[in-house]
C-alpha cells in the first residue's frame, strides 16, 4: 500500500519537501499500524493468561503460563523496537537536505529510490516507488555518506546516485 500525491514537478524545492513529508507520513502510518497490531496481541495474551489462571491442570497449566510469559516477553521486545523506530523517525521530522546521504535523505538513483529513515514497506508517489530503509540495512550502510554522481554496487547491480533530497 503506497501513499499517492498530486505532486507533478518533483524538481521544485517545495515539491521535494512535499515528497519528504509524504514519505515521513507513510513511515509514521506504518509504525502506528504496527503499534496497533502489537497492542491487540498484548490484549490477546493478557486474556489467554487470565484464562490459564482459571485452569487447574497441573503441569499443563504451568507450561501454558510459561509459554504465554515467553510470548509476552517477545512482544515487549517488539514494542521496544517500535518505540526506537518512533524516536528515529521523530528526529527526521524537519530534516533539511544535505550534499551527502544521511538519515532523512531521499536518494534517487538510476535503479531505485530510497528514503533513509526506518525499515518500512515501500511508498509510491507520482508512480515512483520509494523504498523506506534503515541506515543499518545493507543498502543503507552502502548509501550513507555518498554524494550525487557516486556509484555503488548492491546485489550485483551497479547504480549511480542522481539526486539527494
N, C-alpha and C. Protein backbone atom coordinates (compact mmCIF):
# COMPACT_ATOMS: atom_id res chain seq x y z
N UNK A 1 0.84 -1.18 0.00
CA UNK A 1 0.00 0.00 0.00
C UNK A 1 0.89 1.24 0.00
N UNK A 2 0.71 2.12 -0.93
CA UNK A 2 1.52 3.33 -1.01
C UNK A 2 0.65 4.56 -0.91
N UNK A 3 1.25 5.64 -0.45
CA UNK A 3 0.54 6.92 -0.40
C UNK A 3 0.67 7.58 -1.75
N UNK A 4 -0.37 8.18 -2.22
CA UNK A 4 -0.36 8.87 -3.51
C UNK A 4 -0.29 10.38 -3.26
N UNK A 5 0.32 11.07 -4.19
CA UNK A 5 0.44 12.52 -4.09
C UNK A 5 0.10 13.12 -5.45
N UNK A 6 -0.32 14.38 -5.44
CA UNK A 6 -0.58 15.03 -6.71
C UNK A 6 0.56 15.96 -7.10
N UNK A 7 1.74 15.68 -6.58
CA UNK A 7 2.93 16.47 -6.91
C UNK A 7 3.35 16.13 -8.33
N UNK A 8 3.45 17.12 -9.20
CA UNK A 8 3.82 16.85 -10.59
C UNK A 8 5.26 17.22 -10.90
N UNK A 9 5.72 18.38 -10.45
CA UNK A 9 7.08 18.80 -10.74
C UNK A 9 7.96 18.48 -9.53
N UNK A 10 8.58 17.30 -9.54
CA UNK A 10 9.36 16.86 -8.38
C UNK A 10 10.69 17.59 -8.27
N UNK A 11 11.05 18.40 -9.23
CA UNK A 11 12.31 19.13 -9.14
C UNK A 11 12.15 20.44 -8.36
N UNK A 12 10.94 20.88 -8.19
CA UNK A 12 10.66 22.13 -7.46
C UNK A 12 10.95 21.92 -5.97
N UNK A 13 11.66 22.89 -5.31
CA UNK A 13 12.02 22.71 -3.89
C UNK A 13 10.83 22.41 -2.98
N UNK A 14 9.70 23.08 -3.19
CA UNK A 14 8.53 22.80 -2.34
C UNK A 14 8.04 21.38 -2.54
N UNK A 15 8.14 20.88 -3.78
CA UNK A 15 7.72 19.51 -4.04
C UNK A 15 8.70 18.51 -3.45
N UNK A 16 9.98 18.85 -3.42
CA UNK A 16 10.96 18.00 -2.75
C UNK A 16 10.59 17.86 -1.28
N UNK A 17 10.22 18.98 -0.66
CA UNK A 17 9.80 18.97 0.74
C UNK A 17 8.53 18.14 0.90
N UNK A 18 7.61 18.29 -0.08
CA UNK A 18 6.35 17.56 -0.01
C UNK A 18 6.60 16.05 -0.11
N UNK A 19 7.52 15.64 -0.97
CA UNK A 19 7.84 14.22 -1.09
C UNK A 19 8.38 13.69 0.23
N UNK A 20 9.27 14.47 0.86
CA UNK A 20 9.80 14.05 2.17
C UNK A 20 8.68 13.95 3.20
N UNK A 21 7.76 14.91 3.17
CA UNK A 21 6.64 14.89 4.12
C UNK A 21 5.75 13.68 3.88
N UNK A 22 5.52 13.36 2.61
CA UNK A 22 4.70 12.18 2.30
C UNK A 22 5.39 10.89 2.74
N UNK A 23 6.69 10.81 2.52
CA UNK A 23 7.43 9.63 2.94
C UNK A 23 7.46 9.51 4.47
N UNK A 24 7.64 10.64 5.14
CA UNK A 24 7.60 10.66 6.60
C UNK A 24 6.23 10.19 7.10
N UNK A 25 5.16 10.72 6.50
CA UNK A 25 3.79 10.34 6.90
C UNK A 25 3.55 8.85 6.64
N UNK A 26 4.08 8.35 5.54
CA UNK A 26 3.96 6.93 5.22
C UNK A 26 4.60 6.07 6.31
N UNK A 27 5.82 6.43 6.72
CA UNK A 27 6.53 5.68 7.76
C UNK A 27 5.81 5.79 9.11
N UNK A 28 5.28 6.98 9.39
CA UNK A 28 4.53 7.19 10.63
C UNK A 28 3.29 6.29 10.66
N UNK A 29 2.58 6.25 9.54
CA UNK A 29 1.38 5.40 9.45
C UNK A 29 1.76 3.92 9.61
N UNK A 30 2.87 3.53 9.03
CA UNK A 30 3.36 2.16 9.16
C UNK A 30 3.61 1.81 10.63
N UNK A 31 4.29 2.72 11.35
CA UNK A 31 4.57 2.47 12.77
C UNK A 31 3.28 2.46 13.61
N UNK A 32 2.34 3.35 13.29
CA UNK A 32 1.06 3.36 14.00
C UNK A 32 0.34 2.03 13.82
N UNK A 33 0.35 1.52 12.61
CA UNK A 33 -0.28 0.25 12.31
C UNK A 33 0.40 -0.90 13.07
N UNK A 34 1.71 -0.87 13.07
CA UNK A 34 2.48 -1.91 13.77
C UNK A 34 2.21 -1.87 15.28
N UNK A 35 2.19 -0.66 15.84
CA UNK A 35 1.93 -0.49 17.27
C UNK A 35 0.53 -1.01 17.61
N UNK A 36 -0.46 -0.68 16.77
CA UNK A 36 -1.83 -1.12 16.99
C UNK A 36 -1.93 -2.65 16.98
N UNK A 37 -1.25 -3.26 16.03
CA UNK A 37 -1.24 -4.72 15.95
C UNK A 37 -0.61 -5.34 17.19
N UNK A 38 0.48 -4.77 17.66
CA UNK A 38 1.14 -5.28 18.86
C UNK A 38 0.26 -5.09 20.10
N UNK A 39 -0.46 -3.98 20.17
CA UNK A 39 -1.38 -3.75 21.30
C UNK A 39 -2.48 -4.80 21.31
N UNK A 40 -3.00 -5.14 20.14
CA UNK A 40 -4.03 -6.18 20.04
C UNK A 40 -3.48 -7.53 20.50
N UNK A 41 -2.26 -7.84 20.09
CA UNK A 41 -1.63 -9.09 20.51
C UNK A 41 -1.42 -9.11 22.03
N UNK A 42 -1.09 -7.96 22.58
CA UNK A 42 -0.89 -7.84 24.02
C UNK A 42 -2.20 -8.15 24.76
N UNK A 43 -3.30 -7.60 24.26
CA UNK A 43 -4.61 -7.86 24.86
C UNK A 43 -4.96 -9.35 24.77
N UNK A 44 -4.70 -9.94 23.63
CA UNK A 44 -4.99 -11.36 23.44
C UNK A 44 -4.18 -12.22 24.41
N UNK A 45 -2.90 -11.88 24.59
CA UNK A 45 -2.06 -12.64 25.53
C UNK A 45 -2.54 -12.45 26.97
N UNK A 46 -2.97 -11.23 27.30
CA UNK A 46 -3.48 -10.99 28.66
C UNK A 46 -4.73 -11.82 28.90
N UNK A 47 -5.59 -11.90 27.91
CA UNK A 47 -6.81 -12.71 28.01
C UNK A 47 -6.45 -14.19 28.17
N UNK A 48 -5.48 -14.65 27.40
CA UNK A 48 -5.04 -16.04 27.49
C UNK A 48 -4.45 -16.34 28.86
N UNK A 49 -3.70 -15.39 29.41
CA UNK A 49 -3.11 -15.57 30.74
C UNK A 49 -4.21 -15.64 31.79
N UNK A 50 -5.22 -14.81 31.66
CA UNK A 50 -6.35 -14.82 32.60
C UNK A 50 -7.08 -16.15 32.54
N UNK A 51 -7.30 -16.68 31.34
CA UNK A 51 -8.00 -17.97 31.23
C UNK A 51 -7.13 -19.11 31.74
N UNK A 52 -5.80 -18.99 31.60
CA UNK A 52 -4.89 -20.01 32.14
C UNK A 52 -4.95 -20.01 33.66
N UNK A 53 -5.13 -18.84 34.27
CA UNK A 53 -5.22 -18.75 35.73
C UNK A 53 -6.41 -19.53 36.26
N UNK A 54 -7.46 -19.64 35.46
CA UNK A 54 -8.68 -20.32 35.90
C UNK A 54 -8.56 -21.84 35.77
N UNK A 55 -7.57 -22.28 34.99
CA UNK A 55 -7.37 -23.71 34.77
C UNK A 55 -6.59 -24.32 35.94
N UNK A 56 -6.82 -25.59 36.22
CA UNK A 56 -6.10 -26.27 37.29
C UNK A 56 -5.58 -27.61 36.78
N UNK A 57 -4.93 -27.59 35.63
CA UNK A 57 -4.48 -28.82 35.01
C UNK A 57 -3.04 -29.19 35.34
N UNK A 58 -2.49 -28.73 36.43
CA UNK A 58 -1.16 -29.13 36.87
C UNK A 58 -0.06 -28.68 35.94
N UNK A 59 0.77 -29.67 35.49
CA UNK A 59 1.93 -29.38 34.64
C UNK A 59 1.54 -28.65 33.36
N UNK A 60 0.42 -29.08 32.77
CA UNK A 60 -0.04 -28.45 31.54
C UNK A 60 -0.34 -26.96 31.79
N UNK A 61 -0.90 -26.68 32.93
CA UNK A 61 -1.21 -25.30 33.33
C UNK A 61 0.08 -24.48 33.42
N UNK A 62 1.11 -25.03 34.07
CA UNK A 62 2.37 -24.32 34.23
C UNK A 62 3.06 -24.11 32.88
N UNK A 63 3.02 -25.10 32.03
CA UNK A 63 3.61 -24.98 30.69
C UNK A 63 2.91 -23.90 29.89
N UNK A 64 1.59 -23.89 29.94
CA UNK A 64 0.80 -22.87 29.24
C UNK A 64 1.14 -21.47 29.71
N UNK A 65 1.24 -21.31 31.03
CA UNK A 65 1.59 -20.00 31.60
C UNK A 65 3.00 -19.57 31.18
N UNK A 66 3.92 -20.52 31.18
CA UNK A 66 5.30 -20.21 30.79
C UNK A 66 5.35 -19.77 29.32
N UNK A 67 4.61 -20.45 28.47
CA UNK A 67 4.58 -20.09 27.04
C UNK A 67 4.00 -18.69 26.85
N UNK A 68 2.96 -18.38 27.59
CA UNK A 68 2.34 -17.06 27.49
C UNK A 68 3.33 -15.98 27.95
N UNK A 69 4.06 -16.27 29.02
CA UNK A 69 5.05 -15.29 29.52
C UNK A 69 6.17 -15.09 28.50
N UNK A 70 6.59 -16.16 27.83
CA UNK A 70 7.61 -16.03 26.78
C UNK A 70 7.09 -15.17 25.63
N UNK A 71 5.85 -15.40 25.23
CA UNK A 71 5.25 -14.60 24.16
C UNK A 71 5.14 -13.12 24.57
N UNK A 72 4.79 -12.88 25.83
CA UNK A 72 4.69 -11.50 26.31
C UNK A 72 6.05 -10.82 26.29
N UNK A 73 7.09 -11.57 26.64
CA UNK A 73 8.45 -11.02 26.63
C UNK A 73 8.86 -10.68 25.18
N UNK A 74 8.57 -11.59 24.26
CA UNK A 74 8.87 -11.35 22.85
C UNK A 74 8.11 -10.12 22.34
N UNK A 75 6.85 -10.01 22.73
CA UNK A 75 6.02 -8.88 22.34
C UNK A 75 6.59 -7.57 22.91
N UNK A 76 7.06 -7.64 24.16
CA UNK A 76 7.68 -6.47 24.78
C UNK A 76 8.91 -6.00 24.01
N UNK A 77 9.71 -6.95 23.54
CA UNK A 77 10.88 -6.61 22.74
C UNK A 77 10.48 -5.96 21.41
N UNK A 78 9.42 -6.49 20.79
CA UNK A 78 8.94 -5.91 19.53
C UNK A 78 8.42 -4.50 19.76
N UNK A 79 7.73 -4.27 20.87
CA UNK A 79 7.22 -2.93 21.17
C UNK A 79 8.38 -1.96 21.43
N UNK A 80 9.43 -2.45 22.07
CA UNK A 80 10.60 -1.60 22.31
C UNK A 80 11.26 -1.21 20.99
N UNK A 81 11.27 -2.13 20.03
CA UNK A 81 11.83 -1.83 18.71
C UNK A 81 10.98 -0.79 17.98
N UNK A 82 9.67 -0.88 18.12
CA UNK A 82 8.78 0.12 17.51
C UNK A 82 9.02 1.48 18.16
N UNK A 83 9.18 1.50 19.48
CA UNK A 83 9.46 2.76 20.19
C UNK A 83 10.77 3.38 19.70
N UNK A 84 11.78 2.55 19.49
CA UNK A 84 13.07 3.03 18.99
C UNK A 84 12.91 3.61 17.58
N UNK A 85 12.10 2.94 16.77
CA UNK A 85 11.84 3.43 15.41
C UNK A 85 11.11 4.77 15.46
N UNK A 86 10.17 4.93 16.41
CA UNK A 86 9.46 6.20 16.58
C UNK A 86 10.46 7.31 16.86
N UNK A 87 11.41 7.04 17.77
CA UNK A 87 12.40 8.05 18.13
C UNK A 87 13.23 8.45 16.91
N UNK A 88 13.66 7.45 16.14
CA UNK A 88 14.44 7.74 14.92
C UNK A 88 13.63 8.55 13.94
N UNK A 89 12.39 8.15 13.74
CA UNK A 89 11.54 8.85 12.78
C UNK A 89 11.25 10.28 13.22
N UNK A 90 10.95 10.48 14.49
CA UNK A 90 10.66 11.83 15.00
C UNK A 90 11.85 12.77 14.83
N UNK A 91 13.05 12.22 14.91
CA UNK A 91 14.25 13.04 14.72
C UNK A 91 14.37 13.54 13.28
N UNK A 92 13.66 12.90 12.35
CA UNK A 92 13.75 13.27 10.94
C UNK A 92 12.63 14.20 10.48
N UNK A 93 11.75 14.56 11.39
CA UNK A 93 10.55 15.31 11.00
C UNK A 93 10.86 16.57 10.19
N UNK A 94 11.84 17.33 10.58
CA UNK A 94 12.17 18.58 9.88
C UNK A 94 13.55 18.51 9.24
N UNK A 95 13.89 17.35 8.72
CA UNK A 95 15.21 17.15 8.13
C UNK A 95 15.42 18.04 6.91
N UNK A 96 16.56 18.67 6.84
CA UNK A 96 16.92 19.50 5.70
C UNK A 96 17.84 18.71 4.77
N UNK A 97 17.77 18.99 3.51
CA UNK A 97 18.60 18.31 2.53
C UNK A 97 20.08 18.65 2.74
N UNK A 98 20.92 17.69 2.44
CA UNK A 98 22.37 17.88 2.53
C UNK A 98 23.00 17.40 1.23
N UNK A 99 24.29 17.62 1.09
CA UNK A 99 25.00 17.20 -0.11
C UNK A 99 25.34 15.71 -0.11
N UNK A 100 25.32 15.11 1.06
CA UNK A 100 25.63 13.68 1.12
C UNK A 100 24.49 12.93 1.81
N UNK A 101 24.42 11.65 1.54
CA UNK A 101 23.34 10.82 2.07
C UNK A 101 23.50 10.63 3.57
N UNK A 102 22.43 10.86 4.29
CA UNK A 102 22.38 10.66 5.73
C UNK A 102 20.96 10.33 6.15
N UNK A 103 20.73 10.23 7.44
CA UNK A 103 19.38 9.97 7.94
C UNK A 103 18.45 11.07 7.46
N UNK A 104 17.31 10.69 6.92
CA UNK A 104 16.33 11.64 6.42
C UNK A 104 16.48 11.98 4.95
N UNK A 105 17.53 11.48 4.33
CA UNK A 105 17.74 11.76 2.90
C UNK A 105 16.81 10.94 2.03
N UNK A 106 16.38 11.56 0.94
CA UNK A 106 15.70 10.85 -0.14
C UNK A 106 16.73 10.73 -1.25
N UNK A 107 17.02 9.50 -1.64
CA UNK A 107 18.08 9.24 -2.61
C UNK A 107 17.47 8.67 -3.88
N UNK A 108 17.67 9.38 -4.99
CA UNK A 108 17.20 8.89 -6.28
C UNK A 108 18.39 8.35 -7.05
N UNK A 109 18.27 7.11 -7.53
CA UNK A 109 19.33 6.51 -8.33
C UNK A 109 18.75 6.12 -9.68
N UNK A 110 19.60 5.63 -10.54
CA UNK A 110 19.12 5.21 -11.86
C UNK A 110 18.36 3.88 -11.80
N UNK A 111 18.40 3.20 -10.63
CA UNK A 111 17.70 1.91 -10.49
C UNK A 111 16.57 1.91 -9.46
N UNK A 112 16.71 2.69 -8.39
CA UNK A 112 15.70 2.69 -7.33
C UNK A 112 15.79 4.00 -6.55
N UNK A 113 14.76 4.25 -5.74
CA UNK A 113 14.71 5.45 -4.90
C UNK A 113 14.57 5.01 -3.45
N UNK A 114 15.26 5.73 -2.55
CA UNK A 114 15.29 5.34 -1.15
C UNK A 114 15.00 6.52 -0.24
N UNK A 115 14.35 6.21 0.88
CA UNK A 115 14.17 7.19 1.96
C UNK A 115 14.89 6.59 3.15
N UNK A 116 15.97 7.22 3.58
CA UNK A 116 16.78 6.70 4.68
C UNK A 116 16.13 7.14 5.98
N UNK A 117 15.41 6.23 6.60
CA UNK A 117 14.67 6.56 7.82
C UNK A 117 14.54 5.33 8.71
N UNK A 118 13.45 4.61 8.54
CA UNK A 118 13.19 3.37 9.28
C UNK A 118 12.82 2.30 8.25
N UNK A 119 12.98 1.07 8.64
CA UNK A 119 12.55 -0.03 7.77
C UNK A 119 11.03 -0.03 7.73
N UNK A 120 10.50 0.03 6.53
CA UNK A 120 9.06 0.07 6.33
C UNK A 120 8.78 -0.53 4.96
N UNK A 121 7.49 -0.62 4.61
CA UNK A 121 7.18 -1.07 3.26
C UNK A 121 7.40 0.10 2.30
N UNK A 122 7.39 -0.17 1.01
CA UNK A 122 7.65 0.89 0.04
C UNK A 122 6.47 1.85 -0.04
N UNK A 123 6.75 3.01 -0.62
CA UNK A 123 5.74 4.06 -0.80
C UNK A 123 5.78 4.50 -2.26
N UNK A 124 4.62 4.66 -2.86
CA UNK A 124 4.55 5.09 -4.26
C UNK A 124 4.02 6.52 -4.31
N UNK A 125 4.79 7.41 -4.94
CA UNK A 125 4.40 8.81 -5.12
C UNK A 125 4.63 9.15 -6.59
N UNK A 126 3.60 9.66 -7.25
CA UNK A 126 3.70 10.01 -8.67
C UNK A 126 4.24 8.85 -9.50
N UNK A 127 3.75 7.69 -9.24
CA UNK A 127 4.15 6.46 -9.93
C UNK A 127 5.62 6.09 -9.73
N UNK A 128 6.31 6.78 -8.80
CA UNK A 128 7.68 6.42 -8.45
C UNK A 128 7.65 5.65 -7.14
N UNK A 129 8.39 4.56 -7.09
CA UNK A 129 8.47 3.75 -5.89
C UNK A 129 9.66 4.20 -5.05
N UNK A 130 9.42 4.41 -3.76
CA UNK A 130 10.46 4.78 -2.81
C UNK A 130 10.54 3.68 -1.75
N UNK A 131 11.75 3.17 -1.56
CA UNK A 131 11.96 2.15 -0.53
C UNK A 131 12.36 2.86 0.76
N UNK A 132 11.59 2.63 1.81
CA UNK A 132 11.89 3.22 3.11
C UNK A 132 12.80 2.24 3.85
N UNK A 133 14.03 2.66 4.06
CA UNK A 133 15.03 1.75 4.62
C UNK A 133 15.72 2.36 5.84
N UNK A 134 16.25 1.51 6.65
CA UNK A 134 17.03 1.91 7.81
C UNK A 134 18.47 2.16 7.38
N UNK A 135 19.14 3.05 8.07
CA UNK A 135 20.55 3.31 7.80
C UNK A 135 21.39 2.08 8.15
N UNK A 136 20.86 1.19 8.99
CA UNK A 136 21.58 -0.02 9.39
C UNK A 136 21.38 -1.18 8.41
N UNK A 137 20.48 -1.00 7.44
CA UNK A 137 20.25 -2.06 6.45
C UNK A 137 21.48 -2.16 5.53
N UNK A 138 21.65 -3.27 4.85
CA UNK A 138 22.81 -3.39 3.96
C UNK A 138 22.89 -2.25 2.92
N UNK A 139 21.80 -1.92 2.27
CA UNK A 139 21.83 -0.84 1.28
C UNK A 139 21.99 0.52 1.96
N UNK A 140 21.40 0.67 3.14
CA UNK A 140 21.55 1.92 3.90
C UNK A 140 23.00 2.19 4.25
N UNK A 141 23.71 1.15 4.67
CA UNK A 141 25.13 1.29 5.02
C UNK A 141 25.95 1.69 3.80
N UNK A 142 25.60 1.14 2.66
CA UNK A 142 26.32 1.47 1.43
C UNK A 142 26.08 2.93 1.03
N UNK A 143 24.83 3.39 1.17
CA UNK A 143 24.47 4.74 0.73
C UNK A 143 24.98 5.86 1.63
N UNK A 144 25.09 5.61 2.93
CA UNK A 144 25.49 6.67 3.86
C UNK A 144 26.79 7.34 3.43
N UNK A 145 26.76 8.66 3.38
CA UNK A 145 27.95 9.44 3.04
C UNK A 145 28.17 9.64 1.54
N UNK A 146 27.43 8.93 0.71
CA UNK A 146 27.59 9.06 -0.74
C UNK A 146 27.03 10.41 -1.20
N UNK A 147 27.51 10.84 -2.38
CA UNK A 147 27.09 12.12 -2.96
C UNK A 147 26.52 11.88 -4.36
N UNK A 148 25.92 12.93 -4.94
CA UNK A 148 25.39 12.86 -6.30
C UNK A 148 26.53 12.46 -7.25
N UNK A 149 26.21 11.59 -8.17
CA UNK A 149 27.12 11.02 -9.17
C UNK A 149 28.02 9.91 -8.64
N UNK A 150 27.95 9.62 -7.33
CA UNK A 150 28.70 8.47 -6.79
C UNK A 150 28.05 7.19 -7.30
N UNK A 151 28.89 6.20 -7.56
CA UNK A 151 28.41 4.89 -7.98
C UNK A 151 28.55 3.92 -6.82
N UNK A 152 27.67 2.93 -6.80
CA UNK A 152 27.74 1.89 -5.77
C UNK A 152 27.17 0.60 -6.34
N UNK A 153 27.57 -0.50 -5.71
CA UNK A 153 27.06 -1.79 -6.15
C UNK A 153 26.29 -2.43 -5.00
N UNK A 154 25.12 -2.96 -5.36
CA UNK A 154 24.29 -3.68 -4.38
C UNK A 154 23.60 -4.81 -5.12
N UNK A 155 23.69 -6.01 -4.56
CA UNK A 155 23.12 -7.21 -5.18
C UNK A 155 23.56 -7.36 -6.64
N UNK A 156 24.85 -7.20 -6.86
CA UNK A 156 25.45 -7.34 -8.19
C UNK A 156 24.85 -6.37 -9.22
N UNK A 157 24.34 -5.25 -8.75
CA UNK A 157 23.76 -4.25 -9.65
C UNK A 157 24.47 -2.91 -9.38
N UNK A 158 25.06 -2.35 -10.41
CA UNK A 158 25.75 -1.07 -10.30
C UNK A 158 24.73 0.06 -10.47
N UNK A 159 24.75 1.03 -9.56
CA UNK A 159 23.84 2.17 -9.61
C UNK A 159 24.62 3.46 -9.47
N UNK A 160 24.00 4.55 -9.89
CA UNK A 160 24.58 5.87 -9.72
C UNK A 160 23.55 6.77 -9.04
N UNK A 161 24.01 7.58 -8.11
CA UNK A 161 23.11 8.50 -7.40
C UNK A 161 22.86 9.71 -8.28
N UNK A 162 21.60 9.95 -8.60
CA UNK A 162 21.20 11.05 -9.47
C UNK A 162 20.86 12.32 -8.69
N UNK A 163 20.26 12.12 -7.50
CA UNK A 163 19.80 13.27 -6.72
C UNK A 163 19.66 12.87 -5.26
N UNK A 164 19.94 13.84 -4.39
CA UNK A 164 19.75 13.66 -2.95
C UNK A 164 18.87 14.80 -2.48
N UNK A 165 17.76 14.47 -1.83
CA UNK A 165 16.83 15.49 -1.33
C UNK A 165 16.89 15.53 0.17
